[in-house]
Amino acid sequence: MGAATVGGICASPAWAYVNDRLGCLTVIRRIPVLLTAVPIAALLVPPAVGLLGAQSAMPYAYAIVFFLNGATWAGRWMAFTNYLFEIAPDRIRPLFLGLSATLSAPAVVTPLLGGWLLGFVSYHTLFALVAAGGLAALAAAYRLPDPRAIEAGLREAPPVDPATCE
């Protein structure tokens, strides 16, 4: 859990910078990359440590997986909350926030679902399914409308100059 906390602390300033400069949708579109990287790292760390012959270092090497997971959660919370604030009309914003919290409640049981699935499939299969879910999330993220475009009345957001991030 410590590595996940450190991952969140280290990633938060980077996510905040991207969010402020390029918008929350940019962060939302980068999060699925990490969502996919976490289970892939979980699959690759053990063979990599075995290849190096450093089995005693496995707990420390596996901290990379938890670090990435913490970085992912920090970005998810920030980006989705900001996205919700940007798309929700002022007069019903509290309703949007309440519905968001209520509708995300079923996510609490996903660890239980993962544990139940492990009774039927291997860790490799479960991690592959989670990675596939990350790729599906990436596809879904590109279908979200850009709040900056909505505000400007455009179909797409105005281009951002990478040099100035404006």
C-alpha atoms as a PDB file:
ATOM      1  CA  MET A   1       0.000   0.000   0.000  1.00  0.00           C
ATOM      2  CA  GLY A   2       2.925   2.339   0.612  1.00  0.00           C
ATOM      3  CA  ALA A   3       4.050   2.135  -3.009  1.00  0.00           C
ATOM      4  CA  ALA A   4       0.523   2.991  -4.186  1.00  0.00           C
ATOM      5  CA  THR A   5       0.456   6.023  -1.908  1.00  0.00           C
ATOM      6  CA  VAL A   6       3.852   7.158  -3.161  1.00  0.00           C
ATOM      7  CA  GLY A   7       2.675   6.620  -6.749  1.00  0.00           C
ATOM      8  CA  GLY A   8      -0.344   8.830  -6.155  1.00  0.00           C
ATOM      9  CA  ILE A   9       1.723  11.522  -4.454  1.00  0.00           C
ATOM     10  CA  CYS A  10       4.337  11.515  -7.209  1.00  0.00           C
ATOM     11  CA  ALA A  11       1.836  11.485 -10.075  1.00  0.00           C
ATOM     12  CA  SER A  12      -0.574  14.107  -8.733  1.00  0.00           C
ATOM     13  CA  PRO A  13       1.531  17.157  -9.679  1.00  0.00           C
ATOM     14  CA  ALA A  14       1.993  15.788 -13.205  1.00  0.00           C
ATOM     15  CA  TRP A  15      -1.720  15.056 -13.582  1.00  0.00           C
ATOM     16  CA  ALA A  16      -2.547  18.521 -12.206  1.00  0.00           C
ATOM     17  CA  TYR A  17      -0.208  20.145 -14.717  1.00  0.00           C
ATOM     18  CA  VAL A  18      -1.706  18.249 -17.651  1.00  0.00           C
ATOM     19  CA  ASN A  19      -5.219  18.926 -16.354  1.00  0.00           C
ATOM     20  CA  ASP A  20      -4.565  22.669 -16.009  1.00  0.00           C
ATOM     21  CA  ARG A  21      -2.745  23.078 -19.313  1.00  0.00           C
ATOM     22  CA  LEU A  22      -4.467  20.631 -21.641  1.00  0.00           C
ATOM     23  CA  GLY A  23      -7.764  19.923 -19.909  1.00  0.00           C
ATOM     24  CA  CYS A  24      -9.274  17.096 -17.918  1.00  0.00           C
ATOM     25  CA  LEU A  25     -10.224  15.165 -21.043  1.00  0.00           C
ATOM     26  CA  THR A  26      -6.542  14.839 -21.908  1.00  0.00           C
ATOM     27  CA  VAL A  27      -5.939  13.263 -18.498  1.00  0.00           C
ATOM     28  CA  ILE A  28      -8.969  11.001 -18.948  1.00  0.00           C
ATOM     29  CA  ARG A  29      -7.508   9.836 -22.254  1.00  0.00           C
ATOM     30  CA  ARG A  30      -4.117   9.070 -20.673  1.00  0.00           C
ATOM     31  CA  ILE A  31      -5.428   7.198 -17.646  1.00  0.00           C
ATOM     32  CA  PRO A  32      -6.425   4.066 -19.634  1.00  0.00           C
ATOM     33  CA  VAL A  33      -2.823   3.728 -20.759  1.00  0.00           C
ATOM     34  CA  LEU A  34      -1.839   3.272 -17.113  1.00  0.00           C
ATOM     35  CA  LEU A  35      -4.928   1.144 -16.510  1.00  0.00           C
ATOM     36  CA  THR A  36      -3.539  -1.189 -19.143  1.00  0.00           C
ATOM     37  CA  ALA A  37       0.062  -0.908 -17.934  1.00  0.00           C
ATOM     38  CA  VAL A  38      -0.742  -2.015 -14.363  1.00  0.00           C
ATOM     39  CA  PRO A  39      -1.863  -5.587 -15.174  1.00  0.00           C
ATOM     40  CA  ILE A  40       0.818  -5.896 -17.851  1.00  0.00           C
ATOM     41  CA  ALA A  41       3.427  -4.933 -15.246  1.00  0.00           C
ATOM     42  CA  ALA A  42       1.878  -7.452 -12.857  1.00  0.00           C
ATOM     43  CA  LEU A  43       2.425 -10.113 -15.509  1.00  0.00           C
ATOM     44  CA  LEU A  44       5.948  -9.034 -16.493  1.00  0.00           C
ATOM     45  CA  VAL A  45       7.585  -8.302 -13.135  1.00  0.00           C
ATOM     46  CA  PRO A  46       7.807 -11.944 -11.910  1.00  0.00           C
ATOM     47  CA  PRO A  47       9.454 -13.323 -15.076  1.00  0.00           C
ATOM     48  CA  ALA A  48      11.797 -10.326 -15.222  1.00  0.00           C
ATOM     49  CA  VAL A  49      12.887 -10.859 -11.614  1.00  0.00           C
ATOM     50  CA  GLY A  50      13.268 -14.595 -12.283  1.00  0.00           C
ATOM     51  CA  LEU A  51      15.348 -13.864 -15.367  1.00  0.00           C
ATOM     52  CA  LEU A  52      17.653 -11.721 -13.255  1.00  0.00           C
ATOM     53  CA  GLY A  53      17.844 -14.446 -10.599  1.00  0.00           C
ATOM     54  CA  ALA A  54      16.844 -12.027  -7.872  1.00  0.00           C
ATOM     55  CA  GLN A  55      13.865 -13.821  -6.320  1.00  0.00           C
ATOM     56  CA  SER A  56      14.499 -12.185  -2.956  1.00  0.00           C
ATOM     57  CA  ALA A  57      13.907  -8.802  -4.607  1.00  0.00           C
ATOM     58  CA  MET A  58      10.411  -9.781  -5.817  1.00  0.00           C
ATOM     59  CA  PRO A  59       8.477  -7.773  -3.180  1.00  0.00           C
ATOM     60  CA  TYR A  60      10.500  -4.676  -4.011  1.00  0.00           C
ATOM     61  CA  ALA A  61      10.205  -5.154  -7.761  1.00  0.00           C
ATOM     62  CA  TYR A  62       6.486  -5.790  -7.473  1.00  0.00           C
ATOM     63  CA  ALA A  63       6.143  -2.394  -5.795  1.00  0.00           C
ATOM     64  CA  ILE A  64       6.284  -1.005  -9.355  1.00  0.00           C
ATOM     65  CA  VAL A  65       2.818  -2.454  -9.965  1.00  0.00           C
ATOM     66  CA  PHE A  66       1.418  -0.780  -6.865  1.00  0.00           C
ATOM     67  CA  PHE A  67       3.188   2.491  -7.685  1.00  0.00           C
ATOM     68  CA  LEU A  68       1.556   2.536 -11.148  1.00  0.00           C
ATOM     69  CA  ASN A  69      -1.804   1.678  -9.615  1.00  0.00           C
ATOM     70  CA  GLY A  70      -1.525   4.596  -7.183  1.00  0.00           C
ATOM     71  CA  ALA A  71      -0.566   6.942 -10.015  1.00  0.00           C
ATOM     72  CA  THR A  72      -3.585   5.755 -11.971  1.00  0.00           C
ATOM     73  CA  TRP A  73      -6.038   6.323  -9.132  1.00  0.00           C
ATOM     74  CA  ALA A  74      -4.705   9.822  -8.462  1.00  0.00           C
ATOM     75  CA  GLY A  75      -5.301  10.794 -12.084  1.00  0.00           C
ATOM     76  CA  ARG A  76      -8.694   9.115 -12.276  1.00  0.00           C
ATOM     77  CA  TRP A  77     -10.071  10.933  -9.271  1.00  0.00           C
ATOM     78  CA  MET A  78      -8.781  14.299 -10.440  1.00  0.00           C
ATOM     79  CA  ALA A  79      -9.776  14.021 -14.080  1.00  0.00           C
ATOM     80  CA  PHE A  80     -13.243  12.564 -13.667  1.00  0.00           C
ATOM     81  CA  THR A  81     -14.187  14.971 -10.898  1.00  0.00           C
ATOM     82  CA  ASN A  82     -13.016  17.945 -12.964  1.00  0.00           C
ATOM     83  CA  TYR A  83     -14.736  16.591 -16.071  1.00  0.00           C
ATOM     84  CA  LEU A  84     -17.973  16.301 -14.144  1.00  0.00           C
ATOM     85  CA  PHE A  85     -17.610  19.878 -12.868  1.00  0.00           C
ATOM     86  CA  GLU A  86     -17.035  21.098 -16.422  1.00  0.00           C
ATOM     87  CA  ILE A  87     -19.945  19.323 -18.098  1.00  0.00           C
ATOM     88  CA  ALA A  88     -22.539  19.765 -15.345  1.00  0.00           C
ATOM     89  CA  PRO A  89     -24.711  22.881 -15.601  1.00  0.00           C
ATOM     90  CA  ASP A  90     -24.236  25.125 -12.566  1.00  0.00           C
ATOM     91  CA  ARG A  91     -27.795  24.807 -11.309  1.00  0.00           C
ATOM     92  CA  ILE A  92     -27.742  20.981 -11.146  1.00  0.00           C
ATOM     93  CA  ARG A  93     -24.065  20.379 -10.399  1.00  0.00           C
ATOM     94  CA  PRO A  94     -24.792  19.012  -6.898  1.00  0.00           C
ATOM     95  CA  LEU A  95     -27.173  16.486  -8.459  1.00  0.00           C
ATOM     96  CA  PHE A  96     -24.461  15.378 -10.903  1.00  0.00           C
ATOM     97  CA  LEU A  97     -21.951  14.954  -8.084  1.00  0.00           C
ATOM     98  CA  GLY A  98     -24.405  12.986  -5.961  1.00  0.00           C
ATOM     99  CA  LEU A  99     -25.366  10.735  -8.871  1.00  0.00           C
ATOM    100  CA  SER A 100     -21.712  10.199  -9.719  1.00  0.00           C
ATOM    101  CA  ALA A 101     -20.938   9.060  -6.194  1.00  0.00           C
ATOM    102  CA  THR A 102     -24.020   6.836  -6.086  1.00  0.00           C
ATOM    103  CA  LEU A 103     -23.453   5.272  -9.496  1.00  0.00           C
ATOM    104  CA  SER A 104     -19.798   4.547  -8.734  1.00  0.00           C
ATOM    105  CA  ALA A 105     -20.733   2.598  -5.588  1.00  0.00           C
ATOM    106  CA  PRO A 106     -20.926  -0.774  -7.391  1.00  0.00           C
ATOM    107  CA  ALA A 107     -17.196  -0.437  -8.131  1.00  0.00           C
ATOM    108  CA  VAL A 108     -16.635  -1.315  -4.474  1.00  0.00           C
ATOM    109  CA  VAL A 109     -17.385  -4.955  -5.259  1.00  0.00           C
ATOM    110  CA  THR A 110     -14.894  -5.275  -8.138  1.00  0.00           C
ATOM    111  CA  PRO A 111     -12.142  -6.667  -5.876  1.00  0.00           C
ATOM    112  CA  LEU A 112     -14.604  -9.309  -4.700  1.00  0.00           C
ATOM    113  CA  LEU A 113     -15.478 -10.073  -8.310  1.00  0.00           C
ATOM    114  CA  GLY A 114     -11.775 -10.410  -9.124  1.00  0.00           C
ATOM    115  CA  GLY A 115     -11.279 -12.793  -6.218  1.00  0.00           C
ATOM    116  CA  TRP A 116     -14.300 -14.833  -7.276  1.00  0.00           C
ATOM    117  CA  LEU A 117     -12.993 -15.011 -10.865  1.00  0.00           C
ATOM    118  CA  LEU A 118      -9.675 -16.348  -9.574  1.00  0.00           C
ATOM    119  CA  GLY A 119     -11.565 -19.434  -8.498  1.00  0.00           C
ATOM    120  CA  PHE A 120     -12.164 -20.159 -12.180  1.00  0.00           C
ATOM    121  CA  VAL A 121      -9.276 -18.605 -14.115  1.00  0.00           C
ATOM    122  CA  SER A 122      -5.547 -18.046 -13.602  1.00  0.00           C
ATOM    123  CA  TYR A 123      -3.918 -14.792 -12.541  1.00  0.00           C
ATOM    124  CA  HIS A 124      -2.590 -14.462 -16.087  1.00  0.00           C
ATOM    125  CA  THR A 125      -6.099 -14.660 -17.511  1.00  0.00           C
ATOM    126  CA  LEU A 126      -7.473 -12.219 -14.953  1.00  0.00           C
ATOM    127  CA  PHE A 127      -4.692  -9.696 -15.618  1.00  0.00           C
ATOM    128  CA  ALA A 128      -5.233 -10.093 -19.366  1.00  0.00           C
ATOM    129  CA  LEU A 129      -8.946  -9.354 -18.857  1.00  0.00           C
ATOM    130  CA  VAL A 130      -8.098  -6.270 -16.815  1.00  0.00           C
ATOM    131  CA  ALA A 131      -5.681  -5.086 -19.516  1.00  0.00           C
ATOM    132  CA  ALA A 132      -8.409  -5.596 -22.120  1.00  0.00           C
ATOM    133  CA  GLY A 133     -10.694  -3.508 -19.925  1.00  0.00           C
ATOM    134  CA  GLY A 134      -8.076  -0.757 -19.955  1.00  0.00           C
ATOM    135  CA  LEU A 135      -8.035  -0.830 -23.752  1.00  0.00           C
ATOM    136  CA  ALA A 136     -11.838  -0.661 -23.800  1.00  0.00           C
ATOM    137  CA  ALA A 137     -11.641   2.335 -21.460  1.00  0.00           C
ATOM    138  CA  LEU A 138      -9.190   3.979 -23.841  1.00  0.00           C
ATOM    139  CA  ALA A 139     -11.639   3.566 -26.717  1.00  0.00           C
ATOM    140  CA  ALA A 140     -14.480   4.926 -24.569  1.00  0.00           C
ATOM    141  CA  ALA A 141     -12.384   7.929 -23.465  1.00  0.00           C
ATOM    142  CA  TYR A 142     -12.053   9.048 -27.062  1.00  0.00           C
ATOM    143  CA  ARG A 143     -15.832   9.092 -27.415  1.00  0.00           C
ATOM    144  CA  LEU A 144     -16.293  11.639 -24.614  1.00  0.00           C
ATOM    145  CA  PRO A 145     -17.060  15.210 -25.686  1.00  0.00           C
ATOM    146  CA  ASP A 146     -14.493  17.849 -24.811  1.00  0.00           C
ATOM    147  CA  PRO A 147     -15.917  20.318 -22.258  1.00  0.00           C
ATOM    148  CA  ARG A 148     -13.848  23.133 -23.777  1.00  0.00           C
ATOM    149  CA  ALA A 149     -15.517  22.500 -27.132  1.00  0.00           C
ATOM    150  CA  ILE A 150     -18.964  22.371 -25.547  1.00  0.00           C
ATOM    151  CA  GLU A 151     -18.298  25.693 -23.854  1.00  0.00           C
ATOM    152  CA  ALA A 152     -17.079  27.248 -27.110  1.00  0.00           C
ATOM    153  CA  GLY A 153     -19.980  25.759 -29.095  1.00  0.00           C
ATOM    154  CA  LEU A 154     -17.636  23.735 -31.310  1.00  0.00           C
ATOM    155  CA  ARG A 155     -17.650  20.082 -32.303  1.00  0.00           C
ATOM    156  CA  GLU A 156     -14.013  19.713 -31.240  1.00  0.00           C
ATOM    157  CA  ALA A 157     -11.815  21.630 -28.852  1.00  0.00           C
ATOM    158  CA  PRO A 158      -9.615  24.354 -30.264  1.00  0.00           C
ATOM    159  CA  PRO A 159      -6.052  23.193 -30.872  1.00  0.00           C
ATOM    160  CA  VAL A 160      -3.568  23.578 -28.052  1.00  0.00           C
ATOM    161  CA  ASP A 161      -0.128  25.004 -28.821  1.00  0.00           C
ATOM    162  CA  PRO A 162       2.308  22.485 -27.252  1.00  0.00           C
ATOM    163  CA  ALA A 163       4.922  25.186 -26.713  1.00  0.00           C
ATOM    164  CA  THR A 164       2.676  27.389 -24.571  1.00  0.00           C
ATOM    165  CA  CYS A 165      -0.026  24.864 -23.636  1.00  0.00           C
ATOM    166  CA  GLU A 166      -2.640  27.502 -24.543  1.00  0.00           C
END
